[in-house]
Amino acid sequence: MQEFNPYKIINPHSQNPLILTCEHASAQIPAGYDNLGLSAAELDTHIARDKGCGALTEMLAKKLNCTAFLANYSRLFIDYNRRENEASLILNESDGVAVKGNQNLSAAEREFRLKHFHRPYYAAIFAKIRDLQAQNITPTLFSIHGFTPQLKGGAFRPWNAGILYVKENPFALRLLAELQKNPDLKIDANVPYDMRQYNTGAAAICGEDIGLQNAVIEIRDTEFDDIAAGAKKWCQILSRILRC
């Protein structure tokens, strides 16, 4: 039977209560799918992955010695940042680009991707949560994502980053307040997406749904035009806050 490696884990045995997740860390498509009919150029855009966020998540996990989970496959193959029953779990098109390998997808293929990629990712995160709780450590979930400055036909998104949450919680509000102290950054709550409306993704599923403090950061991908420099910059910014 073919084995899959749906995610990467950093510091699996850490006792730090902070758990990082990065659902759009990779643009990789599993072998045998002909890259879903997409070109290399198309896979190197926001429709396939969140530029720089994987590098930032790894750097931050190592600096804080906390556990991090990174999805190993593209959001176009299956979106790890969606609930199982969402229509946007597997897209036919994204930002005007047709995803041929997802057209007319069978129920069996959808279930295959859930079984071998999406569910193992969430099972691993929940196992880590249970492990910390068994040690009387209350976990906090922090998901790291990125956004394009402008979708086709959409308005320009002026923020450097947003802090997203379904319900206000001390962790999310502290992150927001501390980031807003930086005069060089334009930061707001629930931008460029309103998580209170969508209520989806790892922070909601593994945090909000079970009563744990959580937040998502969405960082504009122009911050990672130089990925190494962008990851270093945001690691410095976030690590100072997350250590407090």
Protein backbone atom coordinates (compact mmCIF):
# COMPACT_ATOMS: atom_id res chain seq x y z
CA MET A 1 0.00 0.00 0.00
CA GLN A 2 1.27 3.46 -0.88
CA GLU A 3 2.26 5.55 2.13
CA PHE A 4 1.71 9.28 2.33
CA ASN A 5 3.38 11.97 4.39
CA PRO A 6 0.63 14.57 4.67
CA TYR A 7 2.35 16.89 7.15
CA LYS A 8 5.63 17.87 8.77
CA ILE A 9 6.01 18.28 12.52
CA ILE A 10 8.61 20.39 14.31
CA ASN A 11 9.48 19.78 17.99
CA PRO A 12 6.88 17.02 18.50
CA HIS A 13 7.78 16.52 22.18
CA SER A 14 7.80 20.18 23.24
CA GLN A 15 5.90 21.05 26.41
CA ASN A 16 5.37 24.62 25.30
CA PRO A 17 1.60 25.26 25.37
CA LEU A 18 1.81 27.12 22.06
CA ILE A 19 1.01 25.00 19.00
CA LEU A 20 1.72 26.51 15.59
CA THR A 21 -0.01 25.37 12.40
CA CYS A 22 0.57 26.26 8.76
CA GLU A 23 -2.03 24.76 6.46
CA HIS A 24 -0.78 26.40 3.27
CA ALA A 25 2.95 25.85 3.71
CA SER A 26 3.47 23.92 0.47
CA ALA A 27 2.60 24.04 -3.23
CA GLN A 28 3.42 20.36 -3.71
CA ILE A 29 0.98 18.06 -5.49
CA PRO A 30 1.26 14.29 -4.86
CA ALA A 31 2.81 12.14 -7.57
CA GLY A 32 0.40 10.76 -10.13
CA TYR A 33 -1.81 13.84 -10.37
CA ASP A 34 0.12 15.67 -13.13
CA ASN A 35 0.18 18.79 -10.93
CA LEU A 36 -3.62 18.93 -11.33
CA GLY A 37 -3.01 20.29 -14.83
CA LEU A 38 -1.32 23.43 -13.50
CA SER A 39 1.93 24.96 -14.66
CA ALA A 40 4.95 25.51 -12.43
CA ALA A 41 4.28 29.24 -12.66
CA GLU A 42 0.69 28.80 -11.45
CA LEU A 43 1.86 26.63 -8.56
CA ASP A 44 4.25 29.42 -7.55
CA THR A 45 1.39 31.81 -6.73
CA HIS A 46 -1.02 32.50 -3.89
CA ILE A 47 -3.59 30.08 -5.27
CA ALA A 48 -1.33 27.13 -4.41
CA ARG A 49 0.43 28.16 -1.19
CA ASP A 50 1.03 31.03 1.23
CA LYS A 51 4.42 32.42 0.27
CA GLY A 52 6.93 32.49 3.12
CA CYS A 53 4.58 31.16 5.78
CA GLY A 54 6.14 27.72 5.94
CA ALA A 55 9.60 29.21 6.44
CA LEU A 56 8.27 31.57 9.10
CA THR A 57 6.45 28.79 10.95
CA GLU A 58 9.55 26.59 11.08
CA MET A 59 11.75 29.47 12.20
CA LEU A 60 9.31 30.53 14.90
CA ALA A 61 8.86 26.97 16.18
CA LYS A 62 12.60 26.50 16.50
CA LYS A 63 13.11 29.87 18.18
CA LEU A 64 10.30 29.32 20.71
CA ASN A 65 10.85 25.56 21.05
CA CYS A 66 7.17 24.87 20.43
CA THR A 67 5.45 22.24 18.33
CA ALA A 68 4.46 23.15 14.78
CA PHE A 69 2.44 21.30 12.15
CA LEU A 70 2.95 22.16 8.47
CA ALA A 71 0.84 20.70 5.65
CA ASN A 72 3.00 19.04 3.01
CA TYR A 73 0.60 19.46 0.09
CA SER A 74 -1.05 22.31 -1.74
CA ARG A 75 -4.37 23.82 -0.79
CA LEU A 76 -5.42 23.08 -4.38
CA PHE A 77 -5.08 19.33 -3.82
CA ILE A 78 -7.05 19.55 -0.58
CA ASP A 79 -7.39 22.60 1.62
CA TYR A 80 -6.19 21.65 5.08
CA ASN A 81 -7.68 24.92 6.32
CA ARG A 82 -11.28 23.89 5.67
CA ARG A 83 -13.83 21.68 7.37
CA GLU A 84 -14.59 18.38 5.66
CA ASN A 85 -18.06 19.38 4.49
CA GLU A 86 -17.11 22.72 2.91
CA ALA A 87 -17.51 23.21 -0.82
CA SER A 88 -14.14 25.01 -0.91
CA LEU A 89 -12.30 21.96 0.47
CA ILE A 90 -11.32 21.03 -3.10
CA LEU A 91 -11.65 23.80 -5.68
CA ASN A 92 -12.49 23.57 -9.37
CA GLU A 93 -10.95 27.01 -9.87
CA SER A 94 -9.09 29.56 -7.79
CA ASP A 95 -8.87 33.29 -8.46
CA GLY A 96 -9.83 32.73 -12.09
CA VAL A 97 -7.47 29.78 -12.69
CA ALA A 98 -9.11 26.47 -13.62
CA VAL A 99 -7.84 23.45 -11.69
CA LYS A 100 -8.33 20.73 -14.28
CA GLY A 101 -7.33 17.89 -12.00
CA ASN A 102 -10.21 18.72 -9.67
CA GLN A 103 -12.90 18.87 -12.35
CA ASN A 104 -15.70 16.30 -12.02
CA LEU A 105 -14.11 14.87 -8.90
CA SER A 106 -15.67 11.62 -7.76
CA ALA A 107 -16.92 11.03 -4.24
CA ALA A 108 -14.34 8.25 -3.95
CA GLU A 109 -11.47 10.59 -4.84
CA ARG A 110 -12.71 13.22 -2.41
CA GLU A 111 -12.85 10.61 0.35
CA PHE A 112 -9.36 9.36 -0.62
CA ARG A 113 -7.87 12.82 -0.16
CA LEU A 114 -9.69 13.28 3.15
CA LYS A 115 -8.58 9.91 4.47
CA HIS A 116 -4.92 10.11 3.52
CA PHE A 117 -4.17 13.84 3.83
CA HIS A 118 -6.72 16.02 5.64
CA ARG A 119 -7.77 13.71 8.50
CA PRO A 120 -4.25 12.59 9.47
CA TYR A 121 -3.21 16.23 9.79
CA TYR A 122 -6.01 17.01 12.22
CA ALA A 123 -5.57 13.70 14.07
CA ALA A 124 -1.93 14.64 14.74
CA ILE A 125 -2.83 18.10 16.04
CA PHE A 126 -5.54 16.72 18.32
CA ALA A 127 -3.14 14.04 19.59
CA LYS A 128 -0.68 16.79 20.54
CA ILE A 129 -3.45 18.72 22.28
CA ARG A 130 -4.43 15.64 24.30
CA ASP A 131 -0.79 14.97 25.18
CA LEU A 132 -0.34 18.48 26.59
CA GLN A 133 -3.64 18.34 28.44
CA ALA A 134 -2.58 15.04 30.02
CA GLN A 135 0.39 16.96 31.46
CA ASN A 136 -1.96 19.66 32.82
CA ILE A 137 -0.79 22.06 30.11
CA THR A 138 -3.51 24.07 28.36
CA PRO A 139 -2.63 24.50 24.68
CA THR A 140 -3.05 27.64 22.60
CA LEU A 141 -3.46 27.39 18.81
CA PHE A 142 -1.82 29.87 16.45
CA SER A 143 -2.20 29.44 12.67
CA ILE A 144 0.11 31.25 10.26
CA HIS A 145 -1.25 32.27 6.85
CA GLY A 146 -0.67 34.76 4.07
CA PHE A 147 -2.77 36.71 1.59
CA THR A 148 -2.27 38.28 -1.81
CA PRO A 149 -2.52 42.08 -1.95
CA GLN A 150 -5.30 41.93 -4.54
CA LEU A 151 -7.49 39.18 -5.94
CA LYS A 152 -8.56 39.46 -9.58
CA GLY A 153 -11.29 42.08 -9.72
CA GLY A 154 -11.01 42.73 -5.99
CA ALA A 155 -10.05 45.75 -3.92
CA PHE A 156 -6.48 46.40 -2.85
CA ARG A 157 -5.74 45.06 0.63
CA PRO A 158 -3.62 47.64 2.44
CA TRP A 159 -2.76 45.74 5.62
CA ASN A 160 0.64 44.28 6.44
CA ALA A 161 -1.18 41.68 8.50
CA GLY A 162 -4.42 40.85 10.26
CA ILE A 163 -5.24 38.93 13.41
CA LEU A 164 -8.31 36.75 12.94
CA TYR A 165 -10.56 34.98 15.43
CA VAL A 166 -14.10 33.63 15.70
CA LYS A 167 -14.65 34.97 19.21
CA GLU A 168 -12.57 37.46 21.13
CA ASN A 169 -10.11 35.72 23.42
CA PRO A 170 -7.17 37.05 25.44
CA PHE A 171 -4.51 35.49 23.20
CA ALA A 172 -5.89 36.96 19.97
CA LEU A 173 -6.54 40.38 21.51
CA ARG A 174 -3.03 40.56 23.00
CA LEU A 175 -1.48 39.69 19.65
CA LEU A 176 -3.56 42.35 17.95
CA ALA A 177 -2.79 45.03 20.53
CA GLU A 178 0.95 44.35 20.53
CA LEU A 179 1.22 44.33 16.75
CA GLN A 180 -0.72 47.58 16.52
CA LYS A 181 1.93 49.27 18.67
CA ASN A 182 4.36 49.03 15.73
CA PRO A 183 4.08 52.32 13.80
CA ASP A 184 5.55 50.73 10.68
CA LEU A 185 2.77 48.15 10.37
CA LYS A 186 -0.86 48.48 9.37
CA ILE A 187 -2.69 45.82 11.40
CA ASP A 188 -6.38 45.21 11.96
CA ALA A 189 -8.75 42.54 13.27
CA ASN A 190 -10.38 39.96 11.01
CA VAL A 191 -8.79 41.19 7.79
CA PRO A 192 -8.56 40.47 4.92
CA TYR A 193 -11.14 37.78 5.83
CA ASP A 194 -13.64 37.82 8.67
CA MET A 195 -13.18 34.58 10.55
CA ARG A 196 -16.34 35.32 12.54
CA GLN A 197 -18.23 34.81 9.29
CA TYR A 198 -16.36 31.77 7.96
CA ASN A 199 -15.56 29.93 11.24
CA THR A 200 -13.21 27.50 9.56
CA GLY A 201 -9.58 26.43 9.60
CA ALA A 202 -7.25 24.79 12.09
CA ALA A 203 -7.49 27.53 14.72
CA ALA A 204 -11.27 27.19 14.74
CA ILE A 205 -11.41 23.40 14.49
CA CYS A 206 -8.64 22.63 16.98
CA GLY A 207 -9.01 25.72 19.16
CA GLU A 208 -12.34 27.50 19.13
CA ASP A 209 -14.43 24.33 18.79
CA ILE A 210 -12.99 22.82 21.96
CA GLY A 211 -12.64 25.97 24.03
CA LEU A 212 -8.93 26.73 23.59
CA GLN A 213 -7.53 30.21 23.02
CA ASN A 214 -6.54 30.68 19.41
CA ALA A 215 -5.76 33.12 16.64
CA VAL A 216 -4.82 33.27 12.98
CA ILE A 217 -2.35 35.70 11.52
CA GLU A 218 -2.70 36.62 7.85
CA ILE A 219 0.45 38.29 6.51
CA ARG A 220 0.46 40.05 3.14
CA ASP A 221 2.68 38.00 0.86
CA THR A 222 4.67 40.99 -0.35
CA GLU A 223 6.29 40.80 3.10
CA PHE A 224 7.95 37.63 1.74
CA ASP A 225 9.21 38.87 -1.61
CA ASP A 226 12.54 37.97 -0.03
CA ILE A 227 11.44 34.87 1.85
CA ALA A 228 14.45 34.57 4.13
CA ALA A 229 14.37 38.24 5.08
CA GLY A 230 10.60 38.25 5.53
CA ALA A 231 10.64 35.15 7.71
CA LYS A 232 13.40 36.62 9.86
CA LYS A 233 11.55 39.94 10.23
CA TRP A 234 8.25 38.35 11.24
CA CYS A 235 9.93 35.80 13.48
CA GLN A 236 11.51 38.66 15.42
CA ILE A 237 8.22 40.55 15.63
CA LEU A 238 6.12 37.57 16.69
CA SER A 239 8.59 35.82 18.98
CA ARG A 240 8.85 38.91 21.21
CA ILE A 241 5.07 38.88 21.66
CA LEU A 242 4.63 35.13 21.97
CA ARG A 243 7.29 34.82 24.65
CA CYS A 244 5.44 37.18 26.99
